[in-house]
mmCIF file of all heavy atoms, coordinates in Angstrom:
data_MODEL
# 
_entry.id   MODEL 
# 
loop_
_atom_site.group_PDB 
_atom_site.id 
_atom_site.type_symbol 
_atom_site.label_atom_id 
_atom_site.label_alt_id 
_atom_site.label_comp_id 
_atom_site.label_asym_id 
_atom_site.label_entity_id 
_atom_site.label_seq_id 
_atom_site.pdbx_PDB_ins_code 
_atom_site.Cartn_x 
_atom_site.Cartn_y 
_atom_site.Cartn_z 
_atom_site.occupancy 
_atom_site.B_iso_or_equiv 
_atom_site.pdbx_formal_charge 
_atom_site.auth_seq_id 
_atom_site.auth_comp_id 
_atom_site.auth_asym_id 
_atom_site.auth_atom_id 
_atom_site.pdbx_PDB_model_num 
ATOM 1   N N   . ALA A 1 1  ? -97.720 -32.439 -20.374 1.00 0.00 ? 1  ALA A N   1 
ATOM 2   C CA  . ALA A 1 1  ? -96.581 -32.281 -21.279 1.00 0.00 ? 1  ALA A CA  1 
ATOM 3   C C   . ALA A 1 1  ? -95.487 -33.252 -20.878 1.00 0.00 ? 1  ALA A C   1 
ATOM 4   O O   . ALA A 1 1  ? -95.208 -33.355 -19.672 1.00 0.00 ? 1  ALA A O   1 
ATOM 5   C CB  . ALA A 1 1  ? -96.107 -30.857 -21.289 1.00 0.00 ? 1  ALA A CB  1 
ATOM 6   N N   . MET A 1 2  ? -94.933 -33.971 -21.836 1.00 0.00 ? 2  MET A N   1 
ATOM 7   C CA  . MET A 1 2  ? -93.805 -34.827 -21.548 1.00 0.00 ? 2  MET A CA  1 
ATOM 8   C C   . MET A 1 2  ? -92.444 -34.144 -21.982 1.00 0.00 ? 2  MET A C   1 
ATOM 9   O O   . MET A 1 2  ? -91.433 -34.329 -21.381 1.00 0.00 ? 2  MET A O   1 
ATOM 10  C CB  . MET A 1 2  ? -93.936 -36.127 -22.321 1.00 0.00 ? 2  MET A CB  1 
ATOM 11  C CG  . MET A 1 2  ? -95.020 -37.037 -21.801 1.00 0.00 ? 2  MET A CG  1 
ATOM 12  S SD  . MET A 1 2  ? -95.068 -38.512 -22.830 1.00 0.00 ? 2  MET A SD  1 
ATOM 13  C CE  . MET A 1 2  ? -93.381 -39.057 -22.744 1.00 0.00 ? 2  MET A CE  1 
ATOM 14  N N   . GLN A 1 3  ? -92.564 -33.303 -23.034 1.00 0.00 ? 3  GLN A N   1 
ATOM 15  C CA  . GLN A 1 3  ? -91.337 -32.721 -23.582 1.00 0.00 ? 3  GLN A CA  1 
ATOM 16  C C   . GLN A 1 3  ? -91.712 -31.521 -24.405 1.00 0.00 ? 3  GLN A C   1 
ATOM 17  O O   . GLN A 1 3  ? -92.896 -31.369 -24.864 1.00 0.00 ? 3  GLN A O   1 
ATOM 18  C CB  . GLN A 1 3  ? -90.554 -33.730 -24.392 1.00 0.00 ? 3  GLN A CB  1 
ATOM 19  C CG  . GLN A 1 3  ? -91.278 -34.141 -25.674 1.00 0.00 ? 3  GLN A CG  1 
ATOM 20  C CD  . GLN A 1 3  ? -90.666 -35.361 -26.298 1.00 0.00 ? 3  GLN A CD  1 
ATOM 21  O OE1 . GLN A 1 3  ? -90.367 -36.344 -25.598 1.00 0.00 ? 3  GLN A OE1 1 
ATOM 22  N NE2 . GLN A 1 3  ? -90.479 -35.322 -27.588 1.00 0.00 ? 3  GLN A NE2 1 
ATOM 23  N N   . THR A 1 4  ? -90.778 -30.674 -24.739 1.00 0.00 ? 4  THR A N   1 
ATOM 24  C CA  . THR A 1 4  ? -90.931 -29.612 -25.665 1.00 0.00 ? 4  THR A CA  1 
ATOM 25  C C   . THR A 1 4  ? -90.033 -29.916 -26.843 1.00 0.00 ? 4  THR A C   1 
ATOM 26  O O   . THR A 1 4  ? -88.839 -30.156 -26.639 1.00 0.00 ? 4  THR A O   1 
ATOM 27  C CB  . THR A 1 4  ? -90.603 -28.237 -25.062 1.00 0.00 ? 4  THR A CB  1 
ATOM 28  O OG1 . THR A 1 4  ? -91.531 -27.960 -24.017 1.00 0.00 ? 4  THR A OG1 1 
ATOM 29  C CG2 . THR A 1 4  ? -90.658 -27.152 -26.110 1.00 0.00 ? 4  THR A CG2 1 
ATOM 30  N N   . ASP A 1 5  ? -90.611 -29.944 -28.061 1.00 0.00 ? 5  ASP A N   1 
ATOM 31  C CA  . ASP A 1 5  ? -89.845 -30.164 -29.286 1.00 0.00 ? 5  ASP A CA  1 
ATOM 32  C C   . ASP A 1 5  ? -89.620 -28.780 -29.976 1.00 0.00 ? 5  ASP A C   1 
ATOM 33  O O   . ASP A 1 5  ? -90.470 -27.893 -29.842 1.00 0.00 ? 5  ASP A O   1 
ATOM 34  C CB  . ASP A 1 5  ? -90.549 -31.110 -30.172 1.00 0.00 ? 5  ASP A CB  1 
ATOM 35  C CG  . ASP A 1 5  ? -90.701 -32.476 -29.638 1.00 0.00 ? 5  ASP A CG  1 
ATOM 36  O OD1 . ASP A 1 5  ? -89.821 -32.943 -28.870 1.00 0.00 ? 5  ASP A OD1 1 
ATOM 37  O OD2 . ASP A 1 5  ? -91.698 -33.179 -29.959 1.00 0.00 ? 5  ASP A OD2 1 
ATOM 38  N N   . PHE A 1 6  ? -88.461 -28.689 -30.694 1.00 0.00 ? 6  PHE A N   1 
ATOM 39  C CA  . PHE A 1 6  ? -88.168 -27.417 -31.308 1.00 0.00 ? 6  PHE A CA  1 
ATOM 40  C C   . PHE A 1 6  ? -88.022 -27.620 -32.813 1.00 0.00 ? 6  PHE A C   1 
ATOM 41  O O   . PHE A 1 6  ? -87.358 -28.581 -33.233 1.00 0.00 ? 6  PHE A O   1 
ATOM 42  C CB  . PHE A 1 6  ? -86.858 -26.812 -30.762 1.00 0.00 ? 6  PHE A CB  1 
ATOM 43  C CG  . PHE A 1 6  ? -86.989 -26.486 -29.305 1.00 0.00 ? 6  PHE A CG  1 
ATOM 44  C CD1 . PHE A 1 6  ? -86.591 -27.380 -28.338 1.00 0.00 ? 6  PHE A CD1 1 
ATOM 45  C CD2 . PHE A 1 6  ? -87.498 -25.263 -28.907 1.00 0.00 ? 6  PHE A CD2 1 
ATOM 46  C CE1 . PHE A 1 6  ? -86.676 -27.063 -26.988 1.00 0.00 ? 6  PHE A CE1 1 
ATOM 47  C CE2 . PHE A 1 6  ? -87.605 -24.947 -27.592 1.00 0.00 ? 6  PHE A CE2 1 
ATOM 48  C CZ  . PHE A 1 6  ? -87.230 -25.855 -26.612 1.00 0.00 ? 6  PHE A CZ  1 
ATOM 49  N N   . PHE A 1 7  ? -88.645 -26.775 -33.609 1.00 0.00 ? 7  PHE A N   1 
ATOM 50  C CA  . PHE A 1 7  ? -88.534 -26.827 -35.042 1.00 0.00 ? 7  PHE A CA  1 
ATOM 51  C C   . PHE A 1 7  ? -87.844 -25.541 -35.510 1.00 0.00 ? 7  PHE A C   1 
ATOM 52  O O   . PHE A 1 7  ? -88.385 -24.456 -35.237 1.00 0.00 ? 7  PHE A O   1 
ATOM 53  C CB  . PHE A 1 7  ? -89.912 -26.961 -35.665 1.00 0.00 ? 7  PHE A CB  1 
ATOM 54  C CG  . PHE A 1 7  ? -90.618 -28.204 -35.202 1.00 0.00 ? 7  PHE A CG  1 
ATOM 55  C CD1 . PHE A 1 7  ? -91.394 -28.159 -34.013 1.00 0.00 ? 7  PHE A CD1 1 
ATOM 56  C CD2 . PHE A 1 7  ? -90.433 -29.430 -35.827 1.00 0.00 ? 7  PHE A CD2 1 
ATOM 57  C CE1 . PHE A 1 7  ? -92.020 -29.344 -33.528 1.00 0.00 ? 7  PHE A CE1 1 
ATOM 58  C CE2 . PHE A 1 7  ? -91.089 -30.608 -35.364 1.00 0.00 ? 7  PHE A CE2 1 
ATOM 59  C CZ  . PHE A 1 7  ? -91.858 -30.505 -34.260 1.00 0.00 ? 7  PHE A CZ  1 
ATOM 60  N N   . VAL A 1 8  ? -86.717 -25.668 -36.151 1.00 0.00 ? 8  VAL A N   1 
ATOM 61  C CA  . VAL A 1 8  ? -85.856 -24.482 -36.425 1.00 0.00 ? 8  VAL A CA  1 
ATOM 62  C C   . VAL A 1 8  ? -85.625 -24.412 -37.971 1.00 0.00 ? 8  VAL A C   1 
ATOM 63  O O   . VAL A 1 8  ? -85.271 -25.453 -38.552 1.00 0.00 ? 8  VAL A O   1 
ATOM 64  C CB  . VAL A 1 8  ? -84.497 -24.629 -35.722 1.00 0.00 ? 8  VAL A CB  1 
ATOM 65  C CG1 . VAL A 1 8  ? -83.668 -23.361 -35.915 1.00 0.00 ? 8  VAL A CG1 1 
ATOM 66  C CG2 . VAL A 1 8  ? -84.735 -24.851 -34.178 1.00 0.00 ? 8  VAL A CG2 1 
ATOM 67  N N   . ARG A 1 9  ? -85.870 -23.269 -38.523 1.00 0.00 ? 9  ARG A N   1 
ATOM 68  C CA  . ARG A 1 9  ? -85.574 -23.029 -39.924 1.00 0.00 ? 9  ARG A CA  1 
ATOM 69  C C   . ARG A 1 9  ? -84.441 -22.076 -40.087 1.00 0.00 ? 9  ARG A C   1 
ATOM 70  O O   . ARG A 1 9  ? -84.467 -20.995 -39.404 1.00 0.00 ? 9  ARG A O   1 
ATOM 71  C CB  . ARG A 1 9  ? -86.790 -22.538 -40.627 1.00 0.00 ? 9  ARG A CB  1 
ATOM 72  C CG  . ARG A 1 9  ? -87.893 -23.561 -40.793 1.00 0.00 ? 9  ARG A CG  1 
ATOM 73  C CD  . ARG A 1 9  ? -89.145 -23.094 -41.511 1.00 0.00 ? 9  ARG A CD  1 
ATOM 74  N NE  . ARG A 1 9  ? -89.776 -21.961 -40.826 1.00 0.00 ? 9  ARG A NE  1 
ATOM 75  C CZ  . ARG A 1 9  ? -90.536 -22.062 -39.733 1.00 0.00 ? 9  ARG A CZ  1 
ATOM 76  N NH1 . ARG A 1 9  ? -90.730 -23.265 -39.160 1.00 0.00 ? 9  ARG A NH1 1 
ATOM 77  N NH2 . ARG A 1 9  ? -91.099 -21.015 -39.159 1.00 0.00 ? 9  ARG A NH2 1 
ATOM 78  N N   . VAL A 1 10 ? -83.488 -22.348 -40.922 1.00 0.00 ? 10 VAL A N   1 
ATOM 79  C CA  . VAL A 1 10 ? -82.287 -21.486 -41.085 1.00 0.00 ? 10 VAL A CA  1 
ATOM 80  C C   . VAL A 1 10 ? -82.067 -21.215 -42.583 1.00 0.00 ? 10 VAL A C   1 
ATOM 81  O O   . VAL A 1 10 ? -82.022 -22.122 -43.365 1.00 0.00 ? 10 VAL A O   1 
ATOM 82  C CB  . VAL A 1 10 ? -81.005 -22.167 -40.551 1.00 0.00 ? 10 VAL A CB  1 
ATOM 83  C CG1 . VAL A 1 10 ? -79.908 -21.147 -40.418 1.00 0.00 ? 10 VAL A CG1 1 
ATOM 84  C CG2 . VAL A 1 10 ? -81.286 -22.848 -39.201 1.00 0.00 ? 10 VAL A CG2 1 
ATOM 85  N N   . GLN A 1 11 ? -81.920 -19.947 -42.876 1.00 0.00 ? 11 GLN A N   1 
ATOM 86  C CA  . GLN A 1 11 ? -81.551 -19.553 -44.307 1.00 0.00 ? 11 GLN A CA  1 
ATOM 87  C C   . GLN A 1 11 ? -80.034 -19.573 -44.335 1.00 0.00 ? 11 GLN A C   1 
ATOM 88  O O   . GLN A 1 11 ? -79.332 -18.875 -43.561 1.00 0.00 ? 11 GLN A O   1 
ATOM 89  C CB  . GLN A 1 11 ? -81.993 -18.091 -44.531 1.00 0.00 ? 11 GLN A CB  1 
ATOM 90  C CG  . GLN A 1 11 ? -83.548 -17.912 -44.466 1.00 0.00 ? 11 GLN A CG  1 
ATOM 91  C CD  . GLN A 1 11 ? -84.191 -18.470 -45.698 1.00 0.00 ? 11 GLN A CD  1 
ATOM 92  O OE1 . GLN A 1 11 ? -83.608 -18.700 -46.760 1.00 0.00 ? 11 GLN A OE1 1 
ATOM 93  N NE2 . GLN A 1 11 ? -85.473 -18.870 -45.542 1.00 0.00 ? 11 GLN A NE2 1 
ATOM 94  N N   . VAL A 1 12 ? -79.532 -20.386 -45.262 1.00 0.00 ? 12 VAL A N   1 
ATOM 95  C CA  . VAL A 1 12 ? -78.064 -20.477 -45.410 1.00 0.00 ? 12 VAL A CA  1 
ATOM 96  C C   . VAL A 1 12 ? -77.680 -20.249 -46.861 1.00 0.00 ? 12 VAL A C   1 
ATOM 97  O O   . VAL A 1 12 ? -78.504 -20.137 -47.765 1.00 0.00 ? 12 VAL A O   1 
ATOM 98  C CB  . VAL A 1 12 ? -77.574 -21.941 -45.025 1.00 0.00 ? 12 VAL A CB  1 
ATOM 99  C CG1 . VAL A 1 12 ? -77.813 -22.162 -43.520 1.00 0.00 ? 12 VAL A CG1 1 
ATOM 100 C CG2 . VAL A 1 12 ? -78.253 -22.979 -45.820 1.00 0.00 ? 12 VAL A CG2 1 
ATOM 101 N N   . ASP A 1 13 ? -76.317 -20.063 -47.103 1.00 0.00 ? 13 ASP A N   1 
ATOM 102 C CA  . ASP A 1 13 ? -75.830 -19.819 -48.408 1.00 0.00 ? 13 ASP A CA  1 
ATOM 103 C C   . ASP A 1 13 ? -75.904 -21.055 -49.275 1.00 0.00 ? 13 ASP A C   1 
ATOM 104 O O   . ASP A 1 13 ? -76.290 -21.046 -50.461 1.00 0.00 ? 13 ASP A O   1 
ATOM 105 C CB  . ASP A 1 13 ? -74.389 -19.285 -48.369 1.00 0.00 ? 13 ASP A CB  1 
ATOM 106 C CG  . ASP A 1 13 ? -74.314 -17.916 -47.619 1.00 0.00 ? 13 ASP A CG  1 
ATOM 107 O OD1 . ASP A 1 13 ? -75.327 -17.204 -47.697 1.00 0.00 ? 13 ASP A OD1 1 
ATOM 108 O OD2 . ASP A 1 13 ? -73.326 -17.644 -47.013 1.00 0.00 ? 13 ASP A OD2 1 
ATOM 109 N N   . ARG A 1 14 ? -75.437 -22.197 -48.659 1.00 0.00 ? 14 ARG A N   1 
ATOM 110 C CA  . ARG A 1 14 ? -75.391 -23.449 -49.414 1.00 0.00 ? 14 ARG A CA  1 
ATOM 111 C C   . ARG A 1 14 ? -75.771 -24.558 -48.488 1.00 0.00 ? 14 ARG A C   1 
ATOM 112 O O   . ARG A 1 14 ? -75.376 -24.529 -47.288 1.00 0.00 ? 14 ARG A O   1 
ATOM 113 C CB  . ARG A 1 14 ? -73.971 -23.699 -49.948 1.00 0.00 ? 14 ARG A CB  1 
ATOM 114 C CG  . ARG A 1 14 ? -73.319 -22.488 -50.522 1.00 0.00 ? 14 ARG A CG  1 
ATOM 115 C CD  . ARG A 1 14 ? -71.940 -22.878 -51.194 1.00 0.00 ? 14 ARG A CD  1 
ATOM 116 N NE  . ARG A 1 14 ? -71.513 -24.226 -51.126 1.00 0.00 ? 14 ARG A NE  1 
ATOM 117 C CZ  . ARG A 1 14 ? -70.249 -24.631 -50.880 1.00 0.00 ? 14 ARG A CZ  1 
ATOM 118 N NH1 . ARG A 1 14 ? -69.351 -23.707 -50.546 1.00 0.00 ? 14 ARG A NH1 1 
ATOM 119 N NH2 . ARG A 1 14 ? -69.914 -25.868 -50.868 1.00 0.00 ? 14 ARG A NH2 1 
ATOM 120 N N   . ILE A 1 15 ? -76.481 -25.608 -48.985 1.00 0.00 ? 15 ILE A N   1 
ATOM 121 C CA  . ILE A 1 15 ? -76.808 -26.697 -48.104 1.00 0.00 ? 15 ILE A CA  1 
ATOM 122 C C   . ILE A 1 15 ? -75.763 -27.816 -48.249 1.00 0.00 ? 15 ILE A C   1 
ATOM 123 O O   . ILE A 1 15 ? -75.825 -28.807 -47.534 1.00 0.00 ? 15 ILE A O   1 
ATOM 124 C CB  . ILE A 1 15 ? -78.241 -27.250 -48.312 1.00 0.00 ? 15 ILE A CB  1 
ATOM 125 C CG1 . ILE A 1 15 ? -78.356 -27.737 -49.801 1.00 0.00 ? 15 ILE A CG1 1 
ATOM 126 C CG2 . ILE A 1 15 ? -79.278 -26.218 -47.967 1.00 0.00 ? 15 ILE A CG2 1 
ATOM 127 C CD1 . ILE A 1 15 ? -79.490 -28.707 -49.889 1.00 0.00 ? 15 ILE A CD1 1 
ATOM 128 N N   . ASP A 1 16 ? -74.795 -27.691 -49.207 1.00 0.00 ? 16 ASP A N   1 
ATOM 129 C CA  . ASP A 1 16 ? -73.853 -28.760 -49.384 1.00 0.00 ? 16 ASP A CA  1 
ATOM 130 C C   . ASP A 1 16 ? -72.566 -28.435 -48.663 1.00 0.00 ? 16 ASP A C   1 
ATOM 131 O O   . ASP A 1 16 ? -71.469 -28.809 -49.156 1.00 0.00 ? 16 ASP A O   1 
ATOM 132 C CB  . ASP A 1 16 ? -73.645 -29.034 -50.891 1.00 0.00 ? 16 ASP A CB  1 
ATOM 133 C CG  . ASP A 1 16 ? -73.144 -27.786 -51.630 1.00 0.00 ? 16 ASP A CG  1 
ATOM 134 O OD1 . ASP A 1 16 ? -73.097 -26.690 -50.979 1.00 0.00 ? 16 ASP A OD1 1 
ATOM 135 O OD2 . ASP A 1 16 ? -72.845 -27.861 -52.799 1.00 0.00 ? 16 ASP A OD2 1 
ATOM 136 N N   . ASP A 1 17 ? -72.642 -27.760 -47.557 1.00 0.00 ? 17 ASP A N   1 
ATOM 137 C CA  . ASP A 1 17 ? -71.500 -27.336 -46.774 1.00 0.00 ? 17 ASP A CA  1 
ATOM 138 C C   . ASP A 1 17 ? -71.662 -27.836 -45.330 1.00 0.00 ? 17 ASP A C   1 
ATOM 139 O O   . ASP A 1 17 ? -72.081 -27.130 -44.466 1.00 0.00 ? 17 ASP A O   1 
ATOM 140 C CB  . ASP A 1 17 ? -71.351 -25.824 -46.825 1.00 0.00 ? 17 ASP A CB  1 
ATOM 141 C CG  . ASP A 1 17 ? -70.132 -25.318 -46.076 1.00 0.00 ? 17 ASP A CG  1 
ATOM 142 O OD1 . ASP A 1 17 ? -69.424 -26.114 -45.445 1.00 0.00 ? 17 ASP A OD1 1 
ATOM 143 O OD2 . ASP A 1 17 ? -69.830 -24.099 -46.183 1.00 0.00 ? 17 ASP A OD2 1 
ATOM 144 N N   . PRO A 1 18 ? -71.332 -29.133 -45.084 1.00 0.00 ? 18 PRO A N   1 
ATOM 145 C CA  . PRO A 1 18 ? -71.640 -29.699 -43.784 1.00 0.00 ? 18 PRO A CA  1 
ATOM 146 C C   . PRO A 1 18 ? -70.943 -29.046 -42.647 1.00 0.00 ? 18 PRO A C   1 
ATOM 147 O O   . PRO A 1 18 ? -71.379 -28.999 -41.549 1.00 0.00 ? 18 PRO A O   1 
ATOM 148 C CB  . PRO A 1 18 ? -71.180 -31.196 -43.890 1.00 0.00 ? 18 PRO A CB  1 
ATOM 149 C CG  . PRO A 1 18 ? -70.480 -31.318 -45.240 1.00 0.00 ? 18 PRO A CG  1 
ATOM 150 C CD  . PRO A 1 18 ? -70.866 -30.149 -46.035 1.00 0.00 ? 18 PRO A CD  1 
ATOM 151 N N   . GLN A 1 19 ? -69.764 -28.438 -42.946 1.00 0.00 ? 19 GLN A N   1 
ATOM 152 C CA  . GLN A 1 19 ? -68.978 -27.691 -41.943 1.00 0.00 ? 19 GLN A CA  1 
ATOM 153 C C   . GLN A 1 19 ? -69.817 -26.540 -41.432 1.00 0.00 ? 19 GLN A C   1 
ATOM 154 O O   . GLN A 1 19 ? -70.031 -26.361 -40.235 1.00 0.00 ? 19 GLN A O   1 
ATOM 155 C CB  . GLN A 1 19 ? -67.621 -27.233 -42.485 1.00 0.00 ? 19 GLN A CB  1 
ATOM 156 C CG  . GLN A 1 19 ? -66.793 -26.387 -41.545 1.00 0.00 ? 19 GLN A CG  1 
ATOM 157 C CD  . GLN A 1 19 ? -66.386 -27.145 -40.266 1.00 0.00 ? 19 GLN A CD  1 
ATOM 158 O OE1 . GLN A 1 19 ? -66.233 -28.381 -40.281 1.00 0.00 ? 19 GLN A OE1 1 
ATOM 159 N NE2 . GLN A 1 19 ? -66.270 -26.453 -39.135 1.00 0.00 ? 19 GLN A NE2 1 
ATOM 160 N N   . ALA A 1 20 ? -70.327 -25.707 -42.359 1.00 0.00 ? 20 ALA A N   1 
ATOM 161 C CA  . ALA A 1 20 ? -71.129 -24.514 -41.965 1.00 0.00 ? 20 ALA A CA  1 
ATOM 162 C C   . ALA A 1 20 ? -72.419 -24.975 -41.315 1.00 0.00 ? 20 ALA A C   1 
ATOM 163 O O   . ALA A 1 20 ? -72.852 -24.364 -40.319 1.00 0.00 ? 20 ALA A O   1 
ATOM 164 C CB  . ALA A 1 20 ? -71.397 -23.708 -43.251 1.00 0.00 ? 20 ALA A CB  1 
ATOM 165 N N   . LEU A 1 21 ? -73.054 -26.023 -41.785 1.00 0.00 ? 21 LEU A N   1 
ATOM 166 C CA  . LEU A 1 21 ? -74.328 -26.453 -41.163 1.00 0.00 ? 21 LEU A CA  1 
ATOM 167 C C   . LEU A 1 21 ? -74.085 -26.968 -39.787 1.00 0.00 ? 21 LEU A C   1 
ATOM 168 O O   . LEU A 1 21 ? -74.881 -26.679 -38.817 1.00 0.00 ? 21 LEU A O   1 
ATOM 169 C CB  . LEU A 1 21 ? -74.992 -27.505 -42.032 1.00 0.00 ? 21 LEU A CB  1 
ATOM 170 C CG  . LEU A 1 21 ? -75.358 -27.164 -43.480 1.00 0.00 ? 21 LEU A CG  1 
ATOM 171 C CD1 . LEU A 1 21 ? -76.172 -28.164 -44.166 1.00 0.00 ? 21 LEU A CD1 1 
ATOM 172 C CD2 . LEU A 1 21 ? -76.051 -25.778 -43.568 1.00 0.00 ? 21 LEU A CD2 1 
ATOM 173 N N   . GLY A 1 22 ? -72.938 -27.676 -39.547 1.00 0.00 ? 22 GLY A N   1 
ATOM 174 C CA  . GLY A 1 22 ? -72.640 -28.100 -38.212 1.00 0.00 ? 22 GLY A CA  1 
ATOM 175 C C   . GLY A 1 22 ? -72.388 -26.965 -37.257 1.00 0.00 ? 22 GLY A C   1 
ATOM 176 O O   . GLY A 1 22 ? -72.712 -27.033 -36.111 1.00 0.00 ? 22 GLY A O   1 
ATOM 177 N N   . GLU A 1 23 ? -71.780 -25.916 -37.794 1.00 0.00 ? 23 GLU A N   1 
ATOM 178 C CA  . GLU A 1 23 ? -71.564 -24.696 -36.973 1.00 0.00 ? 23 GLU A CA  1 
ATOM 179 C C   . GLU A 1 23 ? -72.915 -24.041 -36.594 1.00 0.00 ? 23 GLU A C   1 
ATOM 180 O O   . GLU A 1 23 ? -73.081 -23.561 -35.474 1.00 0.00 ? 23 GLU A O   1 
ATOM 181 C CB  . GLU A 1 23 ? -70.631 -23.700 -37.665 1.00 0.00 ? 23 GLU A CB  1 
ATOM 182 C CG  . GLU A 1 23 ? -69.232 -24.156 -37.766 1.00 0.00 ? 23 GLU A CG  1 
ATOM 183 C CD  . GLU A 1 23 ? -68.341 -23.364 -38.719 1.00 0.00 ? 23 GLU A CD  1 
ATOM 184 O OE1 . GLU A 1 23 ? -68.799 -22.303 -39.195 1.00 0.00 ? 23 GLU A OE1 1 
ATOM 185 O OE2 . GLU A 1 23 ? -67.213 -23.824 -39.024 1.00 0.00 ? 23 GLU A OE2 1 
ATOM 186 N N   . TRP A 1 24 ? -73.852 -24.085 -37.541 1.00 0.00 ? 24 TRP A N   1 
ATOM 187 C CA  . TRP A 1 24 ? -75.213 -23.580 -37.230 1.00 0.00 ? 24 TRP A CA  1 
ATOM 188 C C   . TRP A 1 24 ? -75.866 -24.411 -36.123 1.00 0.00 ? 24 TRP A C   1 
ATOM 189 O O   . TRP A 1 24 ? -76.448 -23.856 -35.190 1.00 0.00 ? 24 TRP A O   1 
ATOM 190 C CB  . TRP A 1 24 ? -76.093 -23.660 -38.475 1.00 0.00 ? 24 TRP A CB  1 
ATOM 191 C CG  . TRP A 1 24 ? -76.016 -22.441 -39.291 1.00 0.00 ? 24 TRP A CG  1 
ATOM 192 C CD1 . TRP A 1 24 ? -75.480 -22.374 -40.618 1.00 0.00 ? 24 TRP A CD1 1 
ATOM 193 C CD2 . TRP A 1 24 ? -76.413 -21.100 -39.006 1.00 0.00 ? 24 TRP A CD2 1 
ATOM 194 N NE1 . TRP A 1 24 ? -75.537 -21.093 -41.077 1.00 0.00 ? 24 TRP A NE1 1 
ATOM 195 C CE2 . TRP A 1 24 ? -76.115 -20.301 -40.081 1.00 0.00 ? 24 TRP A CE2 1 
ATOM 196 C CE3 . TRP A 1 24 ? -77.005 -20.560 -37.888 1.00 0.00 ? 24 TRP A CE3 1 
ATOM 197 C CZ2 . TRP A 1 24 ? -76.428 -18.935 -40.113 1.00 0.00 ? 24 TRP A CZ2 1 
ATOM 198 C CZ3 . TRP A 1 24 ? -77.307 -19.178 -37.910 1.00 0.00 ? 24 TRP A CZ3 1 
ATOM 199 C CH2 . TRP A 1 24 ? -76.997 -18.411 -38.990 1.00 0.00 ? 24 TRP A CH2 1 
ATOM 200 N N   . VAL A 1 25 ? -75.676 -25.773 -36.223 1.00 0.00 ? 25 VAL A N   1 
ATOM 201 C CA  . VAL A 1 25 ? -76.276 -26.616 -35.186 1.00 0.00 ? 25 VAL A CA  1 
ATOM 202 C C   . VAL A 1 25 ? -75.746 -26.223 -33.808 1.00 0.00 ? 25 VAL A C   1 
ATOM 203 O O   . VAL A 1 25 ? -76.459 -26.060 -32.817 1.00 0.00 ? 25 VAL A O   1 
ATOM 204 C CB  . VAL A 1 25 ? -75.952 -28.093 -35.464 1.00 0.00 ? 25 VAL A CB  1 
ATOM 205 C CG1 . VAL A 1 25 ? -76.359 -28.994 -34.307 1.00 0.00 ? 25 VAL A CG1 1 
ATOM 206 C CG2 . VAL A 1 25 ? -76.584 -28.549 -36.771 1.00 0.00 ? 25 VAL A CG2 1 
ATOM 207 N N   . GLU A 1 26 ? -74.408 -25.982 -33.741 1.00 0.00 ? 26 GLU A N   1 
ATOM 208 C CA  . GLU A 1 26 ? -73.814 -25.648 -32.485 1.00 0.00 ? 26 GLU A CA  1 
ATOM 209 C C   . GLU A 1 26 ? -74.337 -24.314 -31.929 1.00 0.00 ? 26 GLU A C   1 
ATOM 210 O O   . GLU A 1 26 ? -74.706 -24.231 -30.748 1.00 0.00 ? 26 GLU A O   1 
ATOM 211 C CB  . GLU A 1 26 ? -72.276 -25.570 -32.688 1.00 0.00 ? 26 GLU A CB  1 
ATOM 212 C CG  . GLU A 1 26 ? -71.489 -25.397 -31.398 1.00 0.00 ? 26 GLU A CG  1 
ATOM 213 C CD  . GLU A 1 26 ? -70.015 -25.181 -31.573 1.00 0.00 ? 26 GLU A CD  1 
ATOM 214 O OE1 . GLU A 1 26 ? -69.541 -25.377 -32.744 1.00 0.00 ? 26 GLU A OE1 1 
ATOM 215 O OE2 . GLU A 1 26 ? -69.335 -24.732 -30.593 1.00 0.00 ? 26 GLU A OE2 1 
ATOM 216 N N   . LYS A 1 27 ? -74.452 -23.315 -32.818 1.00 0.00 ? 27 LYS A N   1 
ATOM 217 C CA  . LYS A 1 27 ? -74.990 -22.001 -32.363 1.00 0.00 ? 27 LYS A CA  1 
ATOM 218 C C   . LYS A 1 27 ? -76.392 -22.107 -31.881 1.00 0.00 ? 27 LYS A C   1 
ATOM 219 O O   . LYS A 1 27 ? -76.808 -21.500 -30.920 1.00 0.00 ? 27 LYS A O   1 
ATOM 220 C CB  . LYS A 1 27 ? -74.929 -20.989 -33.534 1.00 0.00 ? 27 LYS A CB  1 
ATOM 221 C CG  . LYS A 1 27 ? -73.538 -20.559 -33.930 1.00 0.00 ? 27 LYS A CG  1 
ATOM 222 C CD  . LYS A 1 27 ? -73.675 -19.607 -35.136 1.00 0.00 ? 27 LYS A CD  1 
ATOM 223 C CE  . LYS A 1 27 ? -72.424 -19.607 -35.986 1.00 0.00 ? 27 LYS A CE  1 
ATOM 224 N NZ  . LYS A 1 27 ? -72.611 -18.986 -37.299 1.00 0.00 ? 27 LYS A NZ  1 
# 
C-alpha cells in the first residue's frame, strides 16, 4: 500500500451553496 484514498458521499440541501459545501469539507 502506498496510500489510503477516501470516497465520501454527502446528502445536502443544495449543491449551489459553496459556503455550506466548504463547511462540509472542513467537518
